Amino acid sequence: MRVQIDVSERDVPLVEYLKKKTGSRSWAGLYREAMNVLAWAVDQKMKGREIYAYDPEKKTYYSLSSPTLESISYSFLKPEEVQKQED
């Protein structure tokens, strides 16, 4: 499947920054990486889990939040489906 994405001029510097920081040589590689991370995050939210980053120096947790992740509800899955996901 071919995917075409229109990126606004305003967002191009962010995409280029992420390509550089991740070592991705192409926009397609960056897209694949982003999809992998999003798929994992969606899976975690569907299991009823929260996603955090931990700062060991400050001993503080920072919650990952986005409109997409916040729209995902644990209730989308029946209990038996959640159990299958966890196995």
C-alpha atoms as a PDB file:
ATOM      1  CA  MET A   1       0.000   0.000   0.000  1.00  0.00           C
ATOM      2  CA  ARG A   2       1.224   3.463  -0.789  1.00  0.00           C
ATOM      3  CA  VAL A   3       0.523   6.272   1.683  1.00  0.00           C
ATOM      4  CA  GLN A   4       0.843   9.934   0.835  1.00  0.00           C
ATOM      5  CA  ILE A   5       1.017  12.441   3.667  1.00  0.00           C
ATOM      6  CA  ASP A   6       0.749  16.187   3.302  1.00  0.00           C
ATOM      7  CA  VAL A   7       2.905  17.952   5.874  1.00  0.00           C
ATOM      8  CA  SER A   8       2.359  21.630   6.456  1.00  0.00           C
ATOM      9  CA  GLU A   9       5.337  23.946   6.051  1.00  0.00           C
ATOM     10  CA  ARG A  10       5.036  24.667   9.763  1.00  0.00           C
ATOM     11  CA  ASP A  11       5.559  20.972  10.627  1.00  0.00           C
ATOM     12  CA  VAL A  12       8.463  20.259   8.240  1.00  0.00           C
ATOM     13  CA  PRO A  13      11.134  21.363  10.780  1.00  0.00           C
ATOM     14  CA  LEU A  14       9.661  18.964  13.366  1.00  0.00           C
ATOM     15  CA  VAL A  15       9.706  16.066  10.922  1.00  0.00           C
ATOM     16  CA  GLU A  16      13.271  16.854   9.875  1.00  0.00           C
ATOM     17  CA  TYR A  17      14.308  17.128  13.537  1.00  0.00           C
ATOM     18  CA  LEU A  18      12.769  13.714  14.275  1.00  0.00           C
ATOM     19  CA  LYS A  19      14.429  12.157  11.236  1.00  0.00           C
ATOM     20  CA  LYS A  20      17.799  13.472  12.408  1.00  0.00           C
ATOM     21  CA  LYS A  21      17.347  12.440  16.064  1.00  0.00           C
ATOM     22  CA  THR A  22      16.140   8.936  15.175  1.00  0.00           C
ATOM     23  CA  GLY A  23      18.666   8.354  12.413  1.00  0.00           C
ATOM     24  CA  SER A  24      15.872   7.679   9.952  1.00  0.00           C
ATOM     25  CA  ARG A  25      17.023   8.174   6.389  1.00  0.00           C
ATOM     26  CA  SER A  26      13.575   8.570   4.918  1.00  0.00           C
ATOM     27  CA  TRP A  27      10.135   9.885   5.672  1.00  0.00           C
ATOM     28  CA  ALA A  28       8.828   6.343   5.176  1.00  0.00           C
ATOM     29  CA  GLY A  29      11.189   5.046   7.862  1.00  0.00           C
ATOM     30  CA  LEU A  30      10.084   7.750  10.248  1.00  0.00           C
ATOM     31  CA  TYR A  31       6.440   6.944   9.476  1.00  0.00           C
ATOM     32  CA  ARG A  32       7.007   3.229  10.193  1.00  0.00           C
ATOM     33  CA  GLU A  33       8.685   4.047  13.488  1.00  0.00           C
ATOM     34  CA  ALA A  34       5.867   6.404  14.478  1.00  0.00           C
ATOM     35  CA  MET A  35       3.274   3.742  13.602  1.00  0.00           C
ATOM     36  CA  ASN A  36       5.101   1.170  15.744  1.00  0.00           C
ATOM     37  CA  VAL A  37       5.140   3.497  18.745  1.00  0.00           C
ATOM     38  CA  LEU A  38       1.495   4.490  18.246  1.00  0.00           C
ATOM     39  CA  ALA A  39       0.412   0.845  17.880  1.00  0.00           C
ATOM     40  CA  TRP A  40       2.173  -0.020  21.140  1.00  0.00           C
ATOM     41  CA  ALA A  41       0.621   2.968  22.941  1.00  0.00           C
ATOM     42  CA  VAL A  42      -2.867   2.127  21.656  1.00  0.00           C
ATOM     43  CA  ASP A  43      -2.409  -1.484  22.768  1.00  0.00           C
ATOM     44  CA  GLN A  44      -1.373  -0.345  26.259  1.00  0.00           C
ATOM     45  CA  LYS A  45      -4.369   1.994  26.581  1.00  0.00           C
ATOM     46  CA  MET A  46      -6.766  -0.727  25.383  1.00  0.00           C
ATOM     47  CA  LYS A  47      -5.435  -2.927  28.184  1.00  0.00           C
ATOM     48  CA  GLY A  48      -6.323  -0.195  30.665  1.00  0.00           C
ATOM     49  CA  ARG A  49      -2.729   0.877  31.248  1.00  0.00           C
ATOM     50  CA  GLU A  50      -1.253   4.364  31.494  1.00  0.00           C
ATOM     51  CA  ILE A  51       2.000   5.399  29.849  1.00  0.00           C
ATOM     52  CA  TYR A  52       4.634   7.347  31.770  1.00  0.00           C
ATOM     53  CA  ALA A  53       8.169   8.653  31.417  1.00  0.00           C
ATOM     54  CA  TYR A  54      10.224   8.607  34.601  1.00  0.00           C
ATOM     55  CA  ASP A  55      12.819  11.245  35.504  1.00  0.00           C
ATOM     56  CA  PRO A  56      15.150   9.512  38.003  1.00  0.00           C
ATOM     57  CA  GLU A  57      16.858  12.765  39.018  1.00  0.00           C
ATOM     58  CA  LYS A  58      13.582  14.406  40.034  1.00  0.00           C
ATOM     59  CA  LYS A  59      11.915  11.094  40.948  1.00  0.00           C
ATOM     60  CA  THR A  60       8.931  12.302  38.945  1.00  0.00           C
ATOM     61  CA  TYR A  61       6.618  10.605  36.480  1.00  0.00           C
ATOM     62  CA  TYR A  62       5.273  12.390  33.408  1.00  0.00           C
ATOM     63  CA  SER A  63       2.138  11.020  31.806  1.00  0.00           C
ATOM     64  CA  LEU A  64       1.952  10.622  28.039  1.00  0.00           C
ATOM     65  CA  SER A  65      -1.233  12.158  26.777  1.00  0.00           C
ATOM     66  CA  SER A  66      -2.657  12.935  23.355  1.00  0.00           C
ATOM     67  CA  PRO A  67      -6.179  13.410  22.016  1.00  0.00           C
ATOM     68  CA  THR A  68      -5.901  10.075  20.197  1.00  0.00           C
ATOM     69  CA  LEU A  69      -4.774   8.146  23.267  1.00  0.00           C
ATOM     70  CA  GLU A  70      -7.304   9.864  25.498  1.00  0.00           C
ATOM     71  CA  SER A  71     -10.103   8.811  23.144  1.00  0.00           C
ATOM     72  CA  ILE A  72      -9.230   5.137  23.623  1.00  0.00           C
ATOM     73  CA  SER A  73     -11.259   3.481  26.294  1.00  0.00           C
ATOM     74  CA  TYR A  74     -10.498   0.278  28.138  1.00  0.00           C
ATOM     75  CA  SER A  75     -14.193  -0.484  27.707  1.00  0.00           C
ATOM     76  CA  PHE A  76     -13.731  -0.989  23.942  1.00  0.00           C
ATOM     77  CA  LEU A  77     -12.711  -4.551  24.730  1.00  0.00           C
ATOM     78  CA  LYS A  78     -14.723  -7.237  26.478  1.00  0.00           C
ATOM     79  CA  PRO A  79     -12.930  -8.796  29.491  1.00  0.00           C
ATOM     80  CA  GLU A  80     -12.178 -11.984  27.558  1.00  0.00           C
ATOM     81  CA  GLU A  81     -10.633  -9.936  24.724  1.00  0.00           C
ATOM     82  CA  VAL A  82      -8.422  -8.089  27.196  1.00  0.00           C
ATOM     83  CA  GLN A  83      -7.236 -11.424  28.585  1.00  0.00           C
ATOM     84  CA  LYS A  84      -6.368 -12.609  25.058  1.00  0.00           C
ATOM     85  CA  GLN A  85      -4.420  -9.381  24.484  1.00  0.00           C
ATOM     86  CA  GLU A  86      -2.399  -9.956  27.655  1.00  0.00           C
ATOM     87  CA  ASP A  87      -1.492 -13.562  26.816  1.00  0.00           C
END
